C-alpha atoms as a PDB file:
ATOM      1  CA  MET A   1      12.570  13.691  -1.047  1.00  0.00           C
ATOM      2  CA  THR A   2      14.850  10.981  -2.341  1.00  0.00           C
ATOM      3  CA  ARG A   3      13.521   7.518  -3.092  1.00  0.00           C
ATOM      4  CA  ILE A   4      15.532   4.669  -1.624  1.00  0.00           C
ATOM      5  CA  ASN A   5      14.699   1.484  -3.540  1.00  0.00           C
ATOM      6  CA  ASN A   6      14.326  -1.897  -1.871  1.00  0.00           C
ATOM      7  CA  HIS A   7      12.693  -4.071  -4.570  1.00  0.00           C
ATOM      8  CA  LYS A   8      12.018  -7.776  -4.152  1.00  0.00           C
ATOM      9  CA  THR A   9       9.709 -10.208  -5.898  1.00  0.00           C
ATOM     10  CA  GLU A  10       7.540 -11.216  -2.917  1.00  0.00           C
ATOM     11  CA  TYR A  11       4.821  -9.098  -1.354  1.00  0.00           C
ATOM     12  CA  PRO A  12       4.586  -6.941   0.584  1.00  0.00           C
ATOM     13  CA  ILE A  13       7.220  -4.686  -0.941  1.00  0.00           C
ATOM     14  CA  GLU A  14       8.533  -1.804   1.149  1.00  0.00           C
ATOM     15  CA  GLU A  15      10.089   1.259  -0.412  1.00  0.00           C
ATOM     16  CA  PHE A  16      11.672   3.894   1.810  1.00  0.00           C
ATOM     17  CA  VAL A  17      11.780   7.593   1.009  1.00  0.00           C
ATOM     18  CA  GLU A  18      14.308   9.935   2.584  1.00  0.00           C
ATOM     19  CA  LEU A  19      12.544  12.955   4.098  1.00  0.00           C
ATOM     20  CA  ARG A  20      14.777  15.976   3.583  1.00  0.00           C
ATOM     21  CA  GLY A  21      14.315  18.840   6.007  1.00  0.00           C
ATOM     22  CA  LEU A  22      12.792  16.661   8.729  1.00  0.00           C
ATOM     23  CA  SER A  23      14.440  14.678  11.478  1.00  0.00           C
ATOM     24  CA  PRO A  24      17.067  12.262  10.106  1.00  0.00           C
ATOM     25  CA  GLU A  25      15.463   9.606  12.335  1.00  0.00           C
ATOM     26  CA  LEU A  26      12.298   9.642  10.196  1.00  0.00           C
ATOM     27  CA  VAL A  27      11.747   8.112   6.743  1.00  0.00           C
ATOM     28  CA  GLY A  28       8.706   7.637   4.566  1.00  0.00           C
ATOM     29  CA  ARG A  29       7.632   4.054   3.934  1.00  0.00           C
ATOM     30  CA  ILE A  30       5.399   2.855   1.115  1.00  0.00           C
ATOM     31  CA  SER A  31       4.274  -0.762   1.627  1.00  0.00           C
ATOM     32  CA  VAL A  32       2.744  -2.399  -1.449  1.00  0.00           C
ATOM     33  CA  ASN A  33       0.721  -5.586  -1.159  1.00  0.00           C
ATOM     34  CA  LYS A  34      -1.053  -7.643  -3.804  1.00  0.00           C
ATOM     35  CA  ASN A  35      -4.641  -8.707  -3.150  1.00  0.00           C
ATOM     36  CA  GLN A  36      -6.047 -10.953  -5.888  1.00  0.00           C
ATOM     37  CA  ALA A  37      -6.058  -8.761  -9.025  1.00  0.00           C
ATOM     38  CA  PHE A  38      -5.284  -5.426  -7.328  1.00  0.00           C
ATOM     39  CA  PHE A  39      -2.536  -3.720  -5.375  1.00  0.00           C
ATOM     40  CA  ASP A  40      -2.805  -1.701  -2.161  1.00  0.00           C
ATOM     41  CA  ALA A  41      -0.316   0.878  -0.855  1.00  0.00           C
ATOM     42  CA  GLU A  42       0.100   1.812   2.800  1.00  0.00           C
ATOM     43  CA  VAL A  43       1.812   5.151   3.423  1.00  0.00           C
ATOM     44  CA  ASP A  44       3.548   5.821   6.751  1.00  0.00           C
ATOM     45  CA  ILE A  45       6.296   7.874   8.326  1.00  0.00           C
ATOM     46  CA  VAL A  46       8.454   5.528  10.385  1.00  0.00           C
ATOM     47  CA  LEU A  47      11.465   5.654  12.675  1.00  0.00           C
ATOM     48  CA  SER A  48      14.481   4.729  10.563  1.00  0.00           C
ATOM     49  CA  GLU A  49      16.162   2.601  13.244  1.00  0.00           C
ATOM     50  CA  SER A  50      13.246   0.498  14.476  1.00  0.00           C
ATOM     51  CA  GLY A  51      10.692   0.794  11.672  1.00  0.00           C
ATOM     52  CA  LYS A  52       7.987   1.711  14.184  1.00  0.00           C
ATOM     53  CA  ILE A  53       5.206   3.869  12.807  1.00  0.00           C
ATOM     54  CA  TYR A  54       5.544   7.537  13.771  1.00  0.00           C
ATOM     55  CA  LYS A  55       2.571   8.706  11.669  1.00  0.00           C
ATOM     56  CA  HIS A  56       0.159   6.653   9.562  1.00  0.00           C
ATOM     57  CA  ILE A  57      -0.780   8.678   6.479  1.00  0.00           C
ATOM     58  CA  GLU A  58      -3.166   6.569   4.389  1.00  0.00           C
ATOM     59  CA  ILE A  59      -3.975   3.248   2.730  1.00  0.00           C
ATOM     60  CA  ILE A  60      -4.771   3.389  -0.989  1.00  0.00           C
ATOM     61  CA  TYR A  61      -6.834   0.467  -2.284  1.00  0.00           C
ATOM     62  CA  LYS A  62      -7.473  -1.241  -5.639  1.00  0.00           C
ATOM     63  CA  LEU A  63      -4.620   0.062  -7.760  1.00  0.00           C
ATOM     64  CA  GLU A  64      -3.914  -1.524 -11.138  1.00  0.00           C
ATOM     65  CA  ASP A  65      -0.242  -2.446 -10.747  1.00  0.00           C
ATOM     66  CA  GLU A  66       2.791  -2.258  -8.469  1.00  0.00           C
ATOM     67  CA  ARG A  67       4.242   0.799 -10.191  1.00  0.00           C
ATOM     68  CA  GLU A  68       0.983   2.735  -9.802  1.00  0.00           C
ATOM     69  CA  ALA A  69       0.838   1.752  -6.123  1.00  0.00           C
ATOM     70  CA  LEU A  70       4.381   3.035  -5.499  1.00  0.00           C
ATOM     71  CA  THR A  71       3.769   6.228  -7.477  1.00  0.00           C
ATOM     72  CA  MET A  72       0.489   6.986  -5.693  1.00  0.00           C
ATOM     73  CA  GLY A  73       2.090   6.237  -2.334  1.00  0.00           C
ATOM     74  CA  VAL A  74       4.917   8.692  -2.963  1.00  0.00           C
ATOM     75  CA  HIS A  75       2.391  11.270  -4.225  1.00  0.00           C
ATOM     76  CA  ARG A  76       0.263  10.949  -1.043  1.00  0.00           C
ATOM     77  CA  LEU A  77       3.363  11.198   1.159  1.00  0.00           C
ATOM     78  CA  LYS A  78       4.467  14.346  -0.672  1.00  0.00           C
ATOM     79  CA  LYS A  79       0.964  15.816  -0.386  1.00  0.00           C
ATOM     80  CA  TYR A  80       0.895  15.151   3.371  1.00  0.00           C
ATOM     81  CA  LEU A  81       4.346  16.695   3.877  1.00  0.00           C
ATOM     82  CA  SER A  82       3.304  19.773   1.878  1.00  0.00           C
ATOM     83  CA  SER A  83       0.200  20.186   4.036  1.00  0.00           C
ATOM     84  CA  ILE A  84       2.192  20.241   7.299  1.00  0.00           C
ATOM     85  CA  ALA A  85       4.873  22.584   5.917  1.00  0.00           C
ATOM     86  CA  ARG A  86       2.429  25.498   5.649  1.00  0.00           C
END
C-alpha cells in the first residue's frame, strides 16, 4: 500500500491509499471529520474514477487528533485487506 496525500485545512479530509495487487480501479479512502473535540475516520474502498463506494470497511469514532484518525484508518484498511487475502 502506498499513501497518496491530499491534505487541506477544512474538514472532512480525504486521504487516498493505493491498493497494490488489487484492481487498479480501486483505491482506499480514509475520510477524517472533526466533531466538537474529537475526530472520526471513515474507511472505504472506492472506485478511483468516480469515488463511488465499492466496499465500506468501518467508521472509527472519538479519536484524539487528525493524525491518529489517519493512522487508525490506514491500520483498519490494512487489517481488512489482510483478512481477505487469506
